[in-house]
């Protein structure tokens, strides 16, 4: 029997340089390597398209984003125009709230994939996999699965409806407070229920996310399929005579203690540490925290120890991680199940991770089990560790590091994606396609 034909629906795919493109690409690449026919439905590439990877053997269809094309009725069309109108402050809160409830799900960013168009492009797949966010992929997957009558799986890179507060992040799951926030949460719960009625199984990127998904989908099997890391790269220590460098790549989260990091940088500056001793680099930072980047820039100006640099292609991020002295990472206060892709990349980068955290969640456990870094839990401990590391750098002594290569390999992409493939095959073999109503 030939390997099953698998359709993956996602909002981003290479060459798009987007975090959401990593997981579906790694799955597609692995499935092709195992002989599967793989089709991808995704959005047209716009913005940063710098992720150059091997797309050979993957059939990709890119759809324009819906926008006003997917909106009917005069009131909805007016809302769509207002939502898209260019204004420094963006649309008003009133327009944003009405748009949330009255316009199609993620109408601005969602790929416009019609059932008729899909049927004209490809033969019926053996299974459909929709990965979110964006959550419009679940809607598309639902409609196609209903039309084709094939098994349907959903994949939670993040939670959609949050059943356990400790997995919620402001950047991905915050819908506001008060009555409007409650109404929005009730609305997305309704949408999740509607677009997962036909699912035959689900996957999630971490254990706590899988537990959360099981609460939403108690009738189907849910499997934890973690993201992965590349093969370990052993790098020689950086020569003495240059400043100690700490690199942080990517998003700065609301749940991370950046205020203490800036305070430590100020203290080091006041103690006479200069740019010839220390350089802390924020590479391509984005954040949902109001005013945080402005405060970071002020810290950079007054100390000379902090640099903020623009976003770069994934290959360059990897190169930068492998040529820094320490990879700086922060824990997530009061949270479980949060494992950023940049952290996983650092696991195999060959440089020690400096984890500033009071938590004992998945990140900290992974550092301890792989021996890939050190965890410091207070501002004073962070400051002392940096001072000691500067002294080692001046002497030309490597920062102590003894990574467990076998433990790191356990977190490799190939292992994770093969576990996902086996789960897909298990679901297909059961051939249970429930009857549901749209």
Protein backbone atom coordinates (compact mmCIF):
# COMPACT_ATOMS: atom_id res chain seq x y z
CA UNK A 1 0.00 0.00 0.00
CA UNK A 2 1.33 3.43 -0.92
CA UNK A 3 2.06 5.96 1.80
CA UNK A 4 -0.98 8.12 2.59
CA UNK A 5 -1.51 11.49 0.90
CA UNK A 6 -1.43 14.16 3.61
CA UNK A 7 -2.81 17.68 3.30
CA UNK A 8 -1.36 20.26 5.70
CA UNK A 9 -3.20 23.56 6.20
CA UNK A 10 -1.23 26.40 7.78
CA UNK A 11 -1.11 30.19 7.60
CA UNK A 12 2.66 30.42 7.01
CA UNK A 13 5.14 28.26 5.15
CA UNK A 14 8.67 28.83 3.81
CA UNK A 15 10.11 30.99 2.48
CA UNK A 16 8.06 33.00 4.99
CA UNK A 17 10.33 33.74 7.96
CA UNK A 18 7.62 33.24 10.57
CA UNK A 19 7.63 31.20 13.75
CA UNK A 20 4.40 29.52 12.65
CA UNK A 21 6.10 28.21 9.49
CA UNK A 22 8.66 26.06 11.31
CA UNK A 23 6.50 23.23 12.63
CA UNK A 24 4.41 22.57 9.48
CA UNK A 25 7.54 22.69 7.31
CA UNK A 26 9.42 20.22 9.50
CA UNK A 27 6.45 17.85 9.38
CA UNK A 28 6.10 18.18 5.59
CA UNK A 29 9.82 17.66 5.04
CA UNK A 30 9.86 14.54 7.24
CA UNK A 31 6.76 13.05 5.61
CA UNK A 32 8.25 13.49 2.13
CA UNK A 33 11.44 11.79 3.31
CA UNK A 34 9.30 8.79 4.31
CA UNK A 35 7.62 8.53 0.91
CA UNK A 36 4.36 10.36 1.58
CA UNK A 37 2.60 12.57 -0.92
CA UNK A 38 2.37 15.93 0.83
CA UNK A 39 0.25 18.91 -0.16
CA UNK A 40 0.31 22.23 1.69
CA UNK A 41 -2.41 24.89 1.59
CA UNK A 42 -1.09 28.17 2.96
CA UNK A 43 -1.13 31.96 2.57
CA UNK A 44 0.66 33.82 -0.17
CA UNK A 45 4.11 34.89 0.99
CA UNK A 46 4.47 38.54 1.88
CA UNK A 47 6.70 40.43 4.26
CA UNK A 48 9.87 38.65 5.36
CA UNK A 49 10.57 35.76 2.96
CA UNK A 50 14.16 35.04 3.96
CA UNK A 51 13.86 31.42 5.15
CA UNK A 52 15.60 29.42 2.42
CA UNK A 53 14.91 25.70 2.79
CA UNK A 54 14.46 22.61 0.65
CA UNK A 55 10.90 22.51 -0.69
CA UNK A 56 11.54 19.69 -3.16
CA UNK A 57 8.77 17.09 -3.20
CA UNK A 58 6.23 19.26 -1.32
CA UNK A 59 3.27 20.40 -3.44
CA UNK A 60 2.44 23.90 -2.22
CA UNK A 61 -0.61 26.01 -3.06
CA UNK A 62 -0.51 29.59 -1.85
CA UNK A 63 -3.80 31.44 -1.47
CA UNK A 64 -4.35 35.18 -1.25
CA UNK A 65 -5.45 36.40 2.12
CA UNK A 66 -9.18 36.91 2.31
CA UNK A 67 -9.64 40.48 3.51
CA UNK A 68 -12.75 42.20 2.10
CA UNK A 69 -13.11 39.47 -0.56
CA UNK A 70 -14.50 37.16 2.11
CA UNK A 71 -16.99 39.65 3.54
CA UNK A 72 -20.65 39.94 2.55
CA UNK A 73 -23.34 42.43 3.53
CA UNK A 74 -23.14 46.23 3.82
CA UNK A 75 -22.50 46.38 7.58
CA UNK A 76 -19.73 43.78 7.42
CA UNK A 77 -18.16 45.44 4.39
CA UNK A 78 -18.18 48.77 6.23
CA UNK A 79 -16.52 47.10 9.22
CA UNK A 80 -13.93 45.50 6.95
CA UNK A 81 -13.08 48.84 5.38
CA UNK A 82 -12.80 50.49 8.78
CA UNK A 83 -10.62 47.67 10.08
CA UNK A 84 -8.25 48.03 7.13
CA UNK A 85 -8.22 51.84 7.00
CA UNK A 86 -4.74 53.21 7.56
CA UNK A 87 -4.59 55.32 10.70
CA UNK A 88 -1.67 55.84 13.12
CA UNK A 89 -3.71 54.56 16.04
CA UNK A 90 -5.38 51.75 14.08
CA UNK A 91 -9.14 51.06 14.19
CA UNK A 92 -11.11 52.17 17.23
CA UNK A 93 -11.91 49.79 20.07
CA UNK A 94 -15.56 49.84 18.94
CA UNK A 95 -14.62 48.76 15.40
CA UNK A 96 -12.21 46.10 16.69
CA UNK A 97 -14.86 44.62 18.98
CA UNK A 98 -17.58 44.52 16.32
CA UNK A 99 -15.12 43.06 13.83
CA UNK A 100 -14.21 40.27 16.28
CA UNK A 101 -17.80 39.06 16.41
CA UNK A 102 -19.19 39.97 12.98
CA UNK A 103 -16.37 39.45 10.50
CA UNK A 104 -14.99 36.08 9.33
CA UNK A 105 -12.41 34.49 11.61
CA UNK A 106 -9.04 36.24 11.13
CA UNK A 107 -10.42 37.75 7.93
CA UNK A 108 -7.38 39.97 7.33
CA UNK A 109 -4.70 37.27 7.65
CA UNK A 110 -6.51 34.02 6.79
CA UNK A 111 -5.83 32.38 3.41
CA UNK A 112 -8.99 32.39 1.29
CA UNK A 113 -9.39 28.64 0.63
CA UNK A 114 -12.72 27.61 -0.85
CA UNK A 115 -13.92 23.99 -0.93
CA UNK A 116 -14.52 24.19 -4.67
CA UNK A 117 -11.03 25.54 -5.32
CA UNK A 118 -9.48 22.81 -3.18
CA UNK A 119 -11.35 20.05 -5.02
CA UNK A 120 -10.23 21.45 -8.37
CA UNK A 121 -6.58 21.54 -7.29
CA UNK A 122 -6.02 18.15 -5.68
CA UNK A 123 -7.52 14.74 -5.25
CA UNK A 124 -9.02 13.90 -1.88
CA UNK A 125 -6.25 13.40 0.70
CA UNK A 126 -6.11 10.46 3.06
CA UNK A 127 -5.93 12.83 6.03
CA UNK A 128 -6.10 16.57 6.67
CA UNK A 129 -3.94 18.29 9.29
CA UNK A 130 -4.75 21.87 10.30
CA UNK A 131 -2.17 23.59 12.49
CA UNK A 132 -2.89 26.75 14.45
CA UNK A 133 -2.65 29.52 15.19
CA UNK A 134 -4.04 31.08 13.00
CA UNK A 135 -7.23 29.39 13.91
CA UNK A 136 -8.86 29.95 10.51
CA UNK A 137 -6.98 26.79 9.48
CA UNK A 138 -9.29 24.78 11.74
CA UNK A 139 -12.30 26.21 9.91
CA UNK A 140 -10.85 25.35 6.50
CA UNK A 141 -9.87 21.87 7.67
CA UNK A 142 -13.36 21.29 9.05
CA UNK A 143 -15.07 22.27 5.81
CA UNK A 144 -12.74 20.20 3.63
CA UNK A 145 -12.97 17.14 5.89
CA UNK A 146 -16.74 17.36 5.84
CA UNK A 147 -16.77 17.61 2.05
CA UNK A 148 -14.17 14.89 1.36
CA UNK A 149 -15.18 12.61 4.22
CA UNK A 150 -11.57 11.96 5.24
CA UNK A 151 -9.91 11.85 8.68
CA UNK A 152 -9.11 15.24 10.15
CA UNK A 153 -6.45 16.16 12.73
CA UNK A 154 -5.82 19.48 14.43
CA UNK A 155 -2.51 20.68 15.83
CA UNK A 156 -2.18 23.20 18.65
CA UNK A 157 1.13 25.07 18.52
CA UNK A 158 -0.50 27.27 21.18
CA UNK A 159 -3.79 26.87 23.01
CA UNK A 160 -6.89 28.44 21.48
CA UNK A 161 -9.41 28.15 24.31
CA UNK A 162 -7.58 28.22 27.65
CA UNK A 163 -8.81 25.83 30.33
CA UNK A 164 -5.77 26.18 32.61
CA UNK A 165 -4.50 29.71 33.40
CA UNK A 166 -0.88 28.60 33.79
CA UNK A 167 -0.56 27.99 30.02
CA UNK A 168 -1.97 31.38 28.97
CA UNK A 169 0.30 34.03 27.45
CA UNK A 170 -0.81 37.59 26.88
CA UNK A 171 0.59 37.58 23.36
CA UNK A 172 -1.43 34.54 22.23
CA UNK A 173 -4.48 34.08 24.46
CA UNK A 174 -5.42 37.47 25.92
CA UNK A 175 -8.90 38.65 24.90
CA UNK A 176 -9.34 41.44 27.39
CA UNK A 177 -11.03 41.81 30.75
CA UNK A 178 -14.56 42.62 31.90
CA UNK A 179 -17.71 41.84 29.97
CA UNK A 180 -16.16 42.19 26.51
CA UNK A 181 -13.32 39.83 27.42
CA UNK A 182 -15.78 37.26 28.74
CA UNK A 183 -17.92 37.51 25.61
CA UNK A 184 -14.86 37.07 23.39
CA UNK A 185 -13.74 33.98 25.29
CA UNK A 186 -17.24 32.51 25.02
CA UNK A 187 -17.23 33.26 21.29
CA UNK A 188 -13.92 31.51 20.61
CA UNK A 189 -15.06 28.54 22.69
CA UNK A 190 -18.04 28.29 20.38
CA UNK A 191 -15.82 28.54 17.30
CA UNK A 192 -13.41 25.89 18.59
CA UNK A 193 -16.29 23.54 19.30
CA UNK A 194 -17.78 24.12 15.84
CA UNK A 195 -14.55 23.58 13.90
CA UNK A 196 -13.34 20.54 15.84
CA UNK A 197 -16.54 18.46 15.75
CA UNK A 198 -15.21 16.23 12.99
CA UNK A 199 -11.67 15.74 14.29
CA UNK A 200 -10.28 12.25 14.70
CA UNK A 201 -7.28 13.26 16.80
CA UNK A 202 -5.19 16.21 17.95
CA UNK A 203 -1.59 17.06 18.64
CA UNK A 204 -0.08 19.79 20.79
CA UNK A 205 3.40 21.27 21.10
CA UNK A 206 3.83 20.63 24.85
CA UNK A 207 2.40 18.38 27.53
CA UNK A 208 0.35 21.11 29.24
CA UNK A 209 -1.00 22.22 25.85
CA UNK A 210 -2.04 18.62 25.15
CA UNK A 211 -3.81 18.41 28.52
CA UNK A 212 -5.63 21.62 27.64
CA UNK A 213 -6.58 20.25 24.21
CA UNK A 214 -7.94 17.10 25.86
CA UNK A 215 -10.31 19.27 27.85
CA UNK A 216 -11.62 20.79 24.60
CA UNK A 217 -11.65 17.46 22.72
CA UNK A 218 -12.38 14.71 25.26
CA UNK A 219 -13.71 12.36 22.58
CA UNK A 220 -10.49 11.93 20.56
CA UNK A 221 -6.86 10.92 21.24
CA UNK A 222 -4.47 13.80 21.89
CA UNK A 223 -0.72 13.38 21.53
CA UNK A 224 2.14 15.62 22.67
CA UNK A 225 4.44 16.33 19.71
CA UNK A 226 7.11 18.76 20.78
CA UNK A 227 8.97 21.03 18.42
CA UNK A 228 12.55 20.02 17.86
CA UNK A 229 16.13 21.16 17.66
CA UNK A 230 18.82 20.68 15.04
CA UNK A 231 21.81 18.34 15.49
CA UNK A 232 24.26 19.57 18.12
CA UNK A 233 27.07 21.84 16.94
CA UNK A 234 30.17 21.75 19.10
CA UNK A 235 31.94 25.11 18.84
CA UNK A 236 35.35 26.12 20.16
CA UNK A 237 35.41 28.79 22.89
CA UNK A 238 35.58 32.39 21.70
CA UNK A 239 39.06 33.82 22.08
CA UNK A 240 39.83 36.19 24.94
CA UNK A 241 40.51 39.84 24.28
CA UNK A 242 36.94 40.72 23.33
CA UNK A 243 33.87 41.61 25.35
CA UNK A 244 31.72 38.89 26.88
CA UNK A 245 28.62 38.64 24.68
CA UNK A 246 25.13 37.61 25.74
CA UNK A 247 22.60 37.11 22.94
CA UNK A 248 18.83 37.00 23.19
CA UNK A 249 16.92 36.34 19.96
CA UNK A 250 13.24 36.99 19.33
CA UNK A 251 10.21 38.03 21.34
CA UNK A 252 10.24 39.68 24.77
CA UNK A 253 7.22 38.36 26.65
CA UNK A 254 4.98 40.05 29.19
CA UNK A 255 5.57 37.12 31.55
CA UNK A 256 9.36 37.58 31.57
CA UNK A 257 11.23 39.78 34.05
CA UNK A 258 12.99 42.22 31.75
CA UNK A 259 12.88 44.99 34.37
CA UNK A 260 15.35 43.09 36.55
CA UNK A 261 17.61 42.41 33.55
CA UNK A 262 17.77 46.15 32.83
CA UNK A 263 18.42 46.88 36.50
CA UNK A 264 21.34 44.43 36.47
CA UNK A 265 22.77 46.09 33.35
CA UNK A 266 22.52 49.48 35.11
CA UNK A 267 24.28 48.07 38.18
CA UNK A 268 27.09 46.61 36.09
CA UNK A 269 27.52 49.92 34.32
CA UNK A 270 27.64 51.77 37.66
CA UNK A 271 30.29 49.29 38.86
CA UNK A 272 32.59 50.25 36.00
CA UNK A 273 31.78 47.49 33.52
CA UNK A 274 32.06 48.98 30.03
CA UNK A 275 31.38 47.94 26.41
CA UNK A 276 34.91 46.50 26.23
CA UNK A 277 33.86 44.06 28.99
CA UNK A 278 30.26 43.20 28.15
CA UNK A 279 27.78 43.33 25.30
CA UNK A 280 24.14 42.24 25.67
CA UNK A 281 22.44 41.89 22.28
CA UNK A 282 18.70 41.73 21.66
CA UNK A 283 18.33 40.32 18.15
CA UNK A 284 15.07 41.12 16.36
CA UNK A 285 13.06 41.85 19.50
CA UNK A 286 9.28 42.22 19.33
CA UNK A 287 6.93 42.54 22.26
CA UNK A 288 3.33 43.11 23.29
CA UNK A 289 4.45 44.94 26.46
CA UNK A 290 3.71 48.67 26.14
CA UNK A 291 6.84 50.80 26.43
CA UNK A 292 9.27 47.91 26.96
CA UNK A 293 11.34 48.45 23.83
CA UNK A 294 11.50 52.17 24.56
CA UNK A 295 12.86 51.39 28.04
CA UNK A 296 15.36 48.98 26.51
CA UNK A 297 16.61 51.68 24.14
CA UNK A 298 17.04 54.09 27.05
CA UNK A 299 19.03 51.45 28.91
CA UNK A 300 21.20 50.96 25.83
CA UNK A 301 21.86 54.70 25.55
CA UNK A 302 22.76 55.28 29.19
CA UNK A 303 24.97 52.20 29.65
CA UNK A 304 26.46 51.30 26.28
CA UNK A 305 26.18 47.65 27.35
CA UNK A 306 22.97 46.79 25.50
CA UNK A 307 22.43 46.67 21.74
CA UNK A 308 19.12 46.24 19.90
CA UNK A 309 19.49 44.79 16.41
CA UNK A 310 17.04 44.13 13.58
CA UNK A 311 15.54 40.76 12.78
CA UNK A 312 17.59 38.49 10.51
CA UNK A 313 17.08 35.29 8.54
CA UNK A 314 16.86 32.02 10.54
CA UNK A 315 20.25 30.85 9.28
CA UNK A 316 21.86 34.02 10.57
CA UNK A 317 20.12 33.67 13.94
CA UNK A 318 21.67 30.21 14.17
CA UNK A 319 25.09 31.60 13.27
CA UNK A 320 24.78 34.32 15.87
CA UNK A 321 23.79 31.83 18.56
CA UNK A 322 26.85 29.75 17.76
CA UNK A 323 29.26 32.69 17.94
CA UNK A 324 28.12 34.30 21.18
CA UNK A 325 29.56 33.49 24.63
CA UNK A 326 26.19 32.92 26.26
CA UNK A 327 22.61 32.63 25.03
CA UNK A 328 20.39 34.65 27.34
CA UNK A 329 16.91 33.33 28.01
CA UNK A 330 14.25 34.22 30.57
CA UNK A 331 11.71 32.00 32.28
CA UNK A 332 7.96 32.59 32.20
CA UNK A 333 6.65 33.68 35.58
CA UNK A 334 3.91 31.36 36.86
CA UNK A 335 3.61 29.51 33.54
CA UNK A 336 3.85 25.92 32.34
CA UNK A 337 4.27 24.40 28.89
CA UNK A 338 5.92 27.41 27.24
CA UNK A 339 8.87 26.29 25.06
CA UNK A 340 9.83 28.91 22.45
CA UNK A 341 11.46 27.72 19.25
CA UNK A 342 14.42 30.01 19.84
CA UNK A 343 15.08 28.16 23.09
CA UNK A 344 15.10 24.82 21.31
CA UNK A 345 17.51 26.22 18.71
CA UNK A 346 19.82 27.28 21.54
CA UNK A 347 19.84 23.73 23.00
CA UNK A 348 21.93 22.47 20.11
CA UNK A 349 23.84 25.67 19.34
CA UNK A 350 26.93 24.69 21.27
CA UNK A 351 26.92 27.72 23.57
CA UNK A 352 25.83 27.72 27.22
CA UNK A 353 22.36 29.01 27.98
CA UNK A 354 22.05 31.57 30.77
CA UNK A 355 18.51 31.07 32.02
CA UNK A 356 17.21 33.81 34.32
CA UNK A 357 14.25 32.22 36.07
CA UNK A 358 12.68 31.37 39.41
CA UNK A 359 10.49 28.74 37.79
CA UNK A 360 10.94 24.99 37.62
CA UNK A 361 8.96 24.30 34.47
CA UNK A 362 9.77 22.57 31.17
CA UNK A 363 12.52 25.01 30.14
CA UNK A 364 14.44 24.62 33.35
CA UNK A 365 14.05 20.83 33.32
CA UNK A 366 15.37 20.66 29.76
CA UNK A 367 18.44 22.72 30.65
CA UNK A 368 19.16 20.48 33.62
CA UNK A 369 18.61 17.20 31.72
CA UNK A 370 20.72 18.27 28.73
CA UNK A 371 23.35 20.11 30.81
CA UNK A 372 23.22 22.96 28.29
CA UNK A 373 23.37 25.90 30.67
CA UNK A 374 22.96 27.44 34.07
CA UNK A 375 19.88 28.74 35.85
CA UNK A 376 20.03 31.84 38.05
CA UNK A 377 17.00 32.89 40.03
CA UNK A 378 17.63 36.46 41.25
CA UNK A 379 19.02 39.74 40.05
CA UNK A 380 22.02 39.46 42.36
CA UNK A 381 22.79 35.94 41.12
CA UNK A 382 22.50 37.10 37.52
CA UNK A 383 24.84 40.02 38.17
CA UNK A 384 27.41 37.81 39.93
CA UNK A 385 27.32 35.19 37.19
CA UNK A 386 28.00 37.84 34.53
CA UNK A 387 30.85 39.33 36.58
CA UNK A 388 32.42 35.87 36.98
CA UNK A 389 31.96 35.15 33.26
CA UNK A 390 33.70 38.43 32.37
CA UNK A 391 36.64 37.41 34.56
CA UNK A 392 36.85 34.02 32.83
CA UNK A 393 36.73 35.68 29.42
CA UNK A 394 39.58 38.02 30.35
CA UNK A 395 41.71 35.01 31.36
CA UNK A 396 40.83 33.11 28.21
CA UNK A 397 39.13 30.41 30.28
CA UNK A 398 36.02 28.83 28.70
CA UNK A 399 32.74 29.17 30.54
CA UNK A 400 32.10 25.66 32.00
CA UNK A 401 29.86 23.60 29.74
CA UNK A 402 29.33 19.83 29.51
CA UNK A 403 26.29 19.17 27.30
CA UNK A 404 24.73 15.71 27.24
CA UNK A 405 24.62 14.95 23.50
CA UNK A 406 22.32 11.96 23.89
CA UNK A 407 19.79 14.00 25.88
CA UNK A 408 19.95 16.80 23.30
CA UNK A 409 19.37 14.30 20.47
CA UNK A 410 16.18 13.19 22.23
CA UNK A 411 14.78 16.65 21.41
CA UNK A 412 15.71 16.47 17.71
CA UNK A 413 13.27 17.38 14.97
CA UNK A 414 13.50 13.95 13.32
CA UNK A 415 12.35 12.14 16.46
CA UNK A 416 9.46 14.52 17.07
CA UNK A 417 8.27 14.42 13.48
CA UNK A 418 8.49 10.63 13.29
CA UNK A 419 6.34 10.40 16.43
CA UNK A 420 3.85 12.71 14.70
CA UNK A 421 3.88 10.57 11.54
CA UNK A 422 3.20 7.43 13.56
CA UNK A 423 0.25 9.13 15.26
CA UNK A 424 -1.13 10.17 11.85
CA UNK A 425 -0.87 6.57 10.62
CA UNK A 426 -2.63 5.30 13.76
CA UNK A 427 -5.54 7.67 13.18
CA UNK A 428 -5.81 6.76 9.49
CA UNK A 429 -5.79 3.05 10.33
CA UNK A 430 -8.83 3.45 12.57
CA UNK A 431 -10.84 4.95 9.68
CA UNK A 432 -13.32 6.59 12.00
CA UNK A 433 -14.92 9.63 10.45
CA UNK A 434 -17.69 10.94 12.69
CA UNK A 435 -20.84 12.51 11.34
CA UNK A 436 -21.23 16.10 12.42
CA UNK A 437 -23.07 19.24 11.62
CA UNK A 438 -21.47 22.47 10.45
